[in-house]
Amino acid sequence: MAGGQERILRRRIKSVESTKKITRAMELIAATRVVKAQERAASARPYSDEITAVIVDLIRAGAAKEHPLLRDNPEARTAAFVVITSDRGMCGGYNTNVIRAAERSIAAARAKGLDFSLIVVGKKAQKHFRFQGLAVDAAFEGMTDQPIYDNAREIAATVRSRYETGELASVELAYTRFFSAGTQQAVVRRFLPLEVPEIDPDAGPTADLEYEPSPTGILNEILPRYLESRLFSALLDASASEHASRQRAMKAATENAEDLKTSLSRIMNRARQDAITTEIMEIVGGAEALGSSKGDKHDLLPSHLSPDHLFPDHLDRTDHSASIH
């Protein structure tokens, strides 16, 4: 029994070691990718900042804020939610946090009497909402690991056309905002109508420029790019957050595997010691039983061959022995 238990423990330890190698490799891969994703997210921020500054200058120069992306749709009764998750798991609570934040916003919209429309990015959100029995109007896959600008353009076009036609009352963007390798936060931000920064009406443009064809015409052309840049920035933040979460999750899994291996090794050593102790006790017990079974030499003779039977007490054993000879 002890030998069988030892074999089982050895197999479990070997399995834990194999799992540890996998989680360690995934941790190193995620650590490499999070650095690249962080650099991409940081490099995209200047473009977003500059295009925002251009929009502010255009409005200060007298551009009319009449673009469909800037106005409300009061008659619409549907709120859209763009939920960005990952295509793969093993990244801790990354997907769960985003989905829960989106579900809270959906519940708030329904409490106001609005319908909702789901646009999901990543397999995890798609599987979750369809498992819940909720309709998914658009789903995008294969772009969460290393998103490119064309991905943002494709997603933005889906919600933009529906909002410009007045179908949607609003569009909310649910994703994980990346602050640092150790800090990420699931947030829900308004995506449409676009939020234009507050501008002092008395302040003029930052530069004396002439716009061709007009500030309003340029603003109408730039706003779709601004929409795409905001979505692209969210995709990059989500990608960096996913890799950071996976790195932490795999590190914790590696540490847990090491702790489990240590615990199983102790149990196996204890079982081996118990088996050795049992064998020693069996050997000692057998030796004692063998020694006690031999006993005194007189005890090994049959009763009719004992000295008392052969030589009665009334006879002199010495003399009798001599007479025999």
Protein backbone atom coordinates (compact mmCIF):
# COMPACT_ATOMS: atom_id res chain seq x y z
CA MET A 1 0.00 0.00 0.00
CA ALA A 2 2.80 2.41 0.90
CA GLY A 3 4.58 1.67 -2.35
CA GLY A 4 1.41 2.37 -4.34
CA GLN A 5 0.88 5.66 -2.54
CA GLU A 6 4.48 6.65 -3.25
CA ARG A 7 4.02 5.97 -6.97
CA ILE A 8 0.86 8.09 -7.04
CA LEU A 9 2.65 10.96 -5.30
CA ARG A 10 5.58 10.73 -7.71
CA ARG A 11 3.21 11.02 -10.68
CA ARG A 12 1.50 14.02 -9.12
CA ILE A 13 4.83 15.73 -8.45
CA LYS A 14 5.89 15.12 -12.03
CA SER A 15 2.61 16.57 -13.30
CA VAL A 16 3.02 19.65 -11.08
CA GLU A 17 6.56 20.16 -12.39
CA SER A 18 5.30 20.05 -15.98
CA THR A 19 2.57 22.57 -15.17
CA LYS A 20 5.11 24.81 -13.47
CA LYS A 21 7.29 24.86 -16.58
CA ILE A 22 4.31 25.91 -18.71
CA THR A 23 3.16 28.68 -16.38
CA ARG A 24 6.73 29.95 -16.03
CA ALA A 25 7.12 30.12 -19.81
CA MET A 26 3.79 31.94 -20.15
CA GLU A 27 4.84 34.38 -17.45
CA LEU A 28 8.05 35.25 -19.32
CA ILE A 29 6.19 35.64 -22.63
CA ALA A 30 3.60 37.93 -21.03
CA ALA A 31 6.35 39.98 -19.37
CA THR A 32 7.93 40.56 -22.78
CA ARG A 33 4.65 41.43 -24.46
CA VAL A 34 3.48 43.82 -21.75
CA VAL A 35 6.57 45.97 -22.28
CA LYS A 36 5.91 46.20 -26.03
CA ALA A 37 2.20 46.86 -25.49
CA GLN A 38 3.00 49.57 -22.97
CA GLU A 39 5.32 51.24 -25.44
CA ARG A 40 2.66 51.12 -28.18
CA ALA A 41 0.05 52.63 -25.86
CA ALA A 42 2.43 55.41 -24.86
CA SER A 43 3.39 56.14 -28.47
CA ALA A 44 -0.28 56.48 -29.50
CA ARG A 45 -1.10 59.11 -26.88
CA PRO A 46 0.67 62.01 -28.64
CA TYR A 47 -1.50 61.52 -31.73
CA SER A 48 -4.66 61.55 -29.64
CA ASP A 49 -3.49 64.64 -27.76
CA GLU A 50 -2.64 66.47 -30.98
CA ILE A 51 -5.90 65.68 -32.71
CA THR A 52 -7.76 66.85 -29.62
CA ALA A 53 -5.79 70.11 -29.69
CA VAL A 54 -6.66 70.57 -33.38
CA ILE A 55 -10.38 70.09 -32.64
CA VAL A 56 -10.17 72.69 -29.86
CA ASP A 57 -8.47 75.16 -32.21
CA LEU A 58 -11.12 74.57 -34.87
CA ILE A 59 -13.94 75.26 -32.45
CA ARG A 60 -12.17 78.38 -31.21
CA ALA A 61 -11.83 79.47 -34.83
CA GLY A 62 -15.61 79.32 -35.21
CA ALA A 63 -16.30 75.77 -36.35
CA ALA A 64 -19.94 74.86 -35.86
CA LYS A 65 -20.51 71.86 -33.62
CA GLU A 66 -23.24 70.41 -35.80
CA HIS A 67 -21.62 67.12 -36.75
CA PRO A 68 -23.83 64.05 -36.10
CA LEU A 69 -21.14 62.62 -33.80
CA LEU A 70 -21.46 65.62 -31.48
CA ARG A 71 -25.21 65.92 -31.15
CA ASP A 72 -27.60 63.86 -29.01
CA ASN A 73 -30.29 61.55 -30.37
CA PRO A 74 -33.14 62.16 -27.92
CA GLU A 75 -35.62 60.05 -29.87
CA ALA A 76 -33.44 56.94 -29.85
CA ARG A 77 -34.26 54.28 -27.24
CA THR A 78 -31.22 52.03 -27.57
CA ALA A 79 -27.89 52.33 -25.76
CA ALA A 80 -24.94 50.51 -27.32
CA PHE A 81 -22.05 49.01 -25.36
CA VAL A 82 -18.67 48.19 -26.83
CA VAL A 83 -17.06 45.63 -24.49
CA ILE A 84 -13.35 44.89 -24.98
CA THR A 85 -12.05 41.62 -23.49
CA SER A 86 -9.45 39.06 -24.55
CA ASP A 87 -9.55 36.11 -26.91
CA ARG A 88 -7.69 33.86 -24.46
CA GLY A 89 -8.00 33.14 -20.76
CA MET A 90 -5.47 32.51 -18.01
CA CYS A 91 -5.22 36.21 -17.22
CA GLY A 92 -6.76 36.36 -13.76
CA GLY A 93 -9.79 38.57 -13.27
CA TYR A 94 -9.12 40.71 -16.33
CA ASN A 95 -12.14 39.60 -18.37
CA THR A 96 -14.44 39.22 -15.38
CA ASN A 97 -13.86 42.77 -14.19
CA VAL A 98 -14.67 44.29 -17.61
CA ILE A 99 -17.76 42.14 -18.09
CA ARG A 100 -19.11 42.99 -14.64
CA ALA A 101 -18.56 46.71 -15.24
CA ALA A 102 -20.43 46.43 -18.55
CA GLU A 103 -23.28 44.49 -16.94
CA ARG A 104 -23.71 47.18 -14.30
CA SER A 105 -23.96 49.83 -17.03
CA ILE A 106 -26.43 47.70 -18.98
CA ALA A 107 -28.57 47.31 -15.88
CA ALA A 108 -28.51 51.08 -15.35
CA ALA A 109 -29.60 51.68 -18.95
CA ARG A 110 -32.44 49.19 -18.65
CA ALA A 111 -33.55 50.86 -15.43
CA LYS A 112 -33.98 54.07 -17.47
CA GLY A 113 -36.24 52.22 -19.90
CA LEU A 114 -33.65 51.88 -22.67
CA ASP A 115 -32.91 48.84 -24.78
CA PHE A 116 -29.30 47.82 -25.25
CA SER A 117 -27.10 46.67 -28.09
CA LEU A 118 -23.89 44.69 -27.55
CA ILE A 119 -20.74 45.06 -29.67
CA VAL A 120 -18.10 42.77 -28.22
CA VAL A 121 -14.38 42.55 -28.90
CA GLY A 122 -12.76 39.27 -27.86
CA LYS A 123 -14.03 35.70 -27.56
CA LYS A 124 -14.50 35.84 -23.79
CA ALA A 125 -17.15 38.57 -23.87
CA GLN A 126 -18.87 36.92 -26.83
CA LYS A 127 -19.10 33.55 -25.07
CA HIS A 128 -20.23 35.11 -21.79
CA PHE A 129 -23.09 37.20 -23.16
CA ARG A 130 -24.32 34.47 -25.48
CA PHE A 131 -24.27 32.03 -22.57
CA GLN A 132 -26.40 34.54 -20.66
CA GLY A 133 -28.88 34.51 -23.53
CA LEU A 134 -28.16 38.10 -24.62
CA ALA A 135 -28.06 39.05 -28.28
CA VAL A 136 -24.69 40.16 -29.65
CA ASP A 137 -25.12 42.49 -32.60
CA ALA A 138 -21.46 42.50 -33.65
CA ALA A 139 -18.45 40.47 -32.55
CA PHE A 140 -14.77 40.95 -33.35
CA GLU A 141 -12.00 38.42 -32.72
CA GLY A 142 -8.26 38.10 -33.26
CA MET A 143 -7.37 41.72 -32.55
CA THR A 144 -6.94 41.96 -28.78
CA ASP A 145 -3.39 40.63 -28.58
CA GLN A 146 -1.74 43.16 -30.91
CA PRO A 147 -4.38 45.60 -32.18
CA ILE A 148 -3.70 47.77 -35.19
CA TYR A 149 -5.34 50.99 -36.32
CA ASP A 150 -7.43 49.20 -38.96
CA ASN A 151 -9.09 47.23 -36.17
CA ALA A 152 -10.17 50.45 -34.49
CA ARG A 153 -11.44 51.79 -37.82
CA GLU A 154 -13.53 48.66 -38.38
CA ILE A 155 -15.13 48.74 -34.94
CA ALA A 156 -15.71 52.50 -35.06
CA ALA A 157 -17.45 52.21 -38.42
CA THR A 158 -19.93 49.73 -36.91
CA VAL A 159 -21.18 52.08 -34.20
CA ARG A 160 -20.64 55.31 -36.11
CA SER A 161 -23.11 54.50 -38.90
CA ARG A 162 -25.77 53.46 -36.41
CA TYR A 163 -25.33 56.58 -34.32
CA GLU A 164 -25.32 58.99 -37.28
CA THR A 165 -28.63 57.56 -38.50
CA GLY A 166 -30.19 58.22 -35.08
CA GLU A 167 -30.62 54.55 -34.13
CA LEU A 168 -28.53 54.80 -30.95
CA ALA A 169 -29.06 57.14 -28.02
CA SER A 170 -25.51 56.66 -26.78
CA VAL A 171 -22.46 54.41 -27.07
CA GLU A 172 -20.50 53.32 -23.99
CA LEU A 173 -17.00 51.86 -24.15
CA ALA A 174 -16.07 49.23 -21.53
CA TYR A 175 -12.39 48.32 -21.35
CA THR A 176 -9.47 48.06 -18.93
CA ARG A 177 -7.45 51.22 -18.55
CA PHE A 178 -3.71 50.72 -18.21
CA PHE A 179 -1.89 52.84 -15.63
CA SER A 180 1.21 50.73 -14.97
CA ALA A 181 2.36 47.12 -15.00
CA GLY A 182 0.90 46.70 -11.51
CA THR A 183 -2.24 48.83 -11.83
CA GLN A 184 -5.14 48.45 -14.26
CA GLN A 185 -8.78 49.40 -13.84
CA ALA A 186 -11.94 48.32 -15.64
CA VAL A 187 -13.82 51.45 -16.73
CA VAL A 188 -16.90 52.39 -18.73
CA ARG A 189 -16.54 55.64 -20.69
CA ARG A 190 -18.96 57.50 -22.93
CA PHE A 191 -17.93 57.04 -26.53
CA LEU A 192 -20.76 58.74 -28.44
CA PRO A 193 -21.75 61.48 -28.61
CA LEU A 194 -18.16 62.68 -28.57
CA GLU A 195 -17.13 64.78 -25.63
CA VAL A 196 -15.43 67.96 -26.78
CA PRO A 197 -13.22 69.64 -24.17
CA GLU A 198 -14.64 72.73 -22.49
CA ILE A 199 -13.46 75.87 -24.26
CA ASP A 200 -13.32 79.41 -22.96
CA PRO A 201 -15.51 81.43 -25.33
CA ASP A 202 -13.28 84.47 -24.89
CA ALA A 203 -10.13 82.59 -25.81
CA GLY A 204 -9.01 82.64 -29.41
CA PRO A 205 -7.12 80.02 -31.38
CA THR A 206 -3.61 79.17 -30.27
CA ALA A 207 -2.26 80.23 -33.68
CA ASP A 208 -3.31 82.70 -36.34
CA LEU A 209 -4.25 80.26 -39.11
CA GLU A 210 -6.38 80.30 -42.19
CA TYR A 211 -8.48 77.19 -42.74
CA GLU A 212 -9.44 75.83 -46.14
CA PRO A 213 -12.19 75.08 -46.91
CA SER A 214 -13.49 76.20 -43.48
CA PRO A 215 -13.10 75.33 -39.78
CA THR A 216 -16.45 73.55 -39.86
CA GLY A 217 -15.51 71.48 -42.92
CA ILE A 218 -12.19 70.46 -41.41
CA LEU A 219 -13.87 69.62 -38.10
CA ASN A 220 -16.35 67.37 -39.85
CA GLU A 221 -13.46 65.50 -41.49
CA ILE A 222 -11.37 65.21 -38.33
CA LEU A 223 -14.09 64.00 -35.95
CA PRO A 224 -14.26 60.48 -37.44
CA ARG A 225 -10.47 60.23 -37.07
CA TYR A 226 -10.82 61.42 -33.50
CA LEU A 227 -13.39 58.68 -32.88
CA GLU A 228 -11.04 56.06 -34.30
CA SER A 229 -8.07 57.34 -32.31
CA ARG A 230 -10.01 57.10 -29.05
CA LEU A 231 -11.03 53.55 -29.82
CA PHE A 232 -7.50 52.62 -30.88
CA SER A 233 -6.14 54.04 -27.62
CA ALA A 234 -8.67 51.91 -25.68
CA LEU A 235 -7.62 48.79 -27.62
CA LEU A 236 -3.95 49.44 -26.82
CA ASP A 237 -4.73 50.01 -23.14
CA ALA A 238 -6.76 46.80 -23.06
CA SER A 239 -3.95 44.84 -24.74
CA ALA A 240 -1.33 46.09 -22.27
CA SER A 241 -3.69 45.37 -19.36
CA GLU A 242 -4.32 41.84 -20.63
CA HIS A 243 -0.62 40.99 -20.81
CA ALA A 244 0.04 42.53 -17.38
CA SER A 245 -2.83 40.54 -15.87
CA ARG A 246 -1.61 37.34 -17.51
CA GLN A 247 1.90 37.91 -16.21
CA ARG A 248 0.64 38.27 -12.63
CA ALA A 249 -1.68 35.29 -12.97
CA MET A 250 1.06 33.04 -14.35
CA LYS A 251 3.50 34.19 -11.69
CA ALA A 252 0.98 33.29 -8.99
CA ALA A 253 0.35 29.93 -10.69
CA THR A 254 4.09 29.20 -10.79
CA GLU A 255 4.45 30.01 -7.10
CA ASN A 256 1.43 27.86 -6.24
CA ALA A 257 2.89 24.98 -8.25
CA GLU A 258 6.16 25.27 -6.32
CA ASP A 259 4.27 25.26 -3.00
CA LEU A 260 2.22 22.25 -4.08
CA LYS A 261 5.36 20.40 -5.16
CA THR A 262 6.96 21.06 -1.76
CA SER A 263 3.84 19.86 0.04
CA LEU A 264 3.59 16.68 -2.05
CA SER A 265 7.31 15.99 -1.57
CA ARG A 266 6.86 16.18 2.19
CA ILE A 267 3.89 13.83 2.05
CA MET A 268 5.86 11.40 -0.12
CA ASN A 269 8.87 11.50 2.21
CA ARG A 270 6.61 10.91 5.17
CA ALA A 271 4.98 7.95 3.41
CA ARG A 272 8.43 6.57 2.52
CA GLN A 273 9.58 6.91 6.13
CA ASP A 274 6.42 5.18 7.32
CA ALA A 275 7.05 2.34 4.88
CA ILE A 276 10.68 1.98 6.01
CA THR A 277 9.65 2.06 9.68
CA THR A 278 7.01 -0.60 9.03
CA GLU A 279 9.53 -2.84 7.27
CA ILE A 280 12.03 -2.46 10.12
CA MET A 281 9.35 -3.30 12.66
CA GLU A 282 8.38 -6.36 10.66
CA ILE A 283 12.01 -7.52 10.48
CA VAL A 284 12.55 -6.97 14.21
CA GLY A 285 9.26 -8.66 15.02
CA GLY A 286 10.13 -11.62 12.83
CA ALA A 287 13.54 -11.96 14.44
CA GLU A 288 12.03 -11.85 17.90
CA ALA A 289 9.42 -14.41 16.92
CA LEU A 290 12.10 -16.69 15.47
CA GLY A 291 14.21 -16.40 18.64
CA SER A 292 11.30 -17.10 20.96
CA SER A 293 10.18 -20.08 18.90
CA LYS A 294 13.57 -21.83 19.42
CA GLY A 295 13.35 -21.53 23.26
CA ASP A 296 15.41 -23.94 25.57
CA LYS A 297 17.01 -27.04 24.07
CA HIS A 298 15.07 -29.34 26.50
CA ASP A 299 11.85 -27.89 25.15
CA LEU A 300 12.77 -29.07 21.68
CA LEU A 301 12.86 -32.84 22.76
CA PRO A 302 9.73 -34.99 22.84
CA SER A 303 8.49 -35.91 26.33
CA HIS A 304 9.35 -39.63 26.00
CA LEU A 305 12.97 -38.72 25.12
CA SER A 306 13.56 -36.35 27.99
CA PRO A 307 16.32 -37.16 30.56
CA ASP A 308 13.73 -37.55 33.30
CA HIS A 309 11.95 -40.26 31.34
CA LEU A 310 15.11 -42.10 30.33
CA PHE A 311 16.68 -41.97 33.77
CA PRO A 312 14.20 -42.27 36.62
CA ASP A 313 15.08 -40.70 39.95
CA HIS A 314 15.67 -44.05 41.78
CA LEU A 315 18.48 -44.95 39.40
CA ASP A 316 21.95 -43.54 39.46
CA ARG A 317 22.41 -42.09 36.03
CA THR A 318 26.19 -42.44 36.19
CA ASP A 319 26.14 -46.04 37.25
CA HIS A 320 23.48 -46.89 34.75
CA SER A 321 25.54 -45.36 32.05
CA ALA A 322 28.56 -47.43 33.13
CA SER A 323 26.54 -50.65 33.21
CA ILE A 324 25.37 -50.06 29.75
CA HIS A 325 28.90 -49.85 28.53
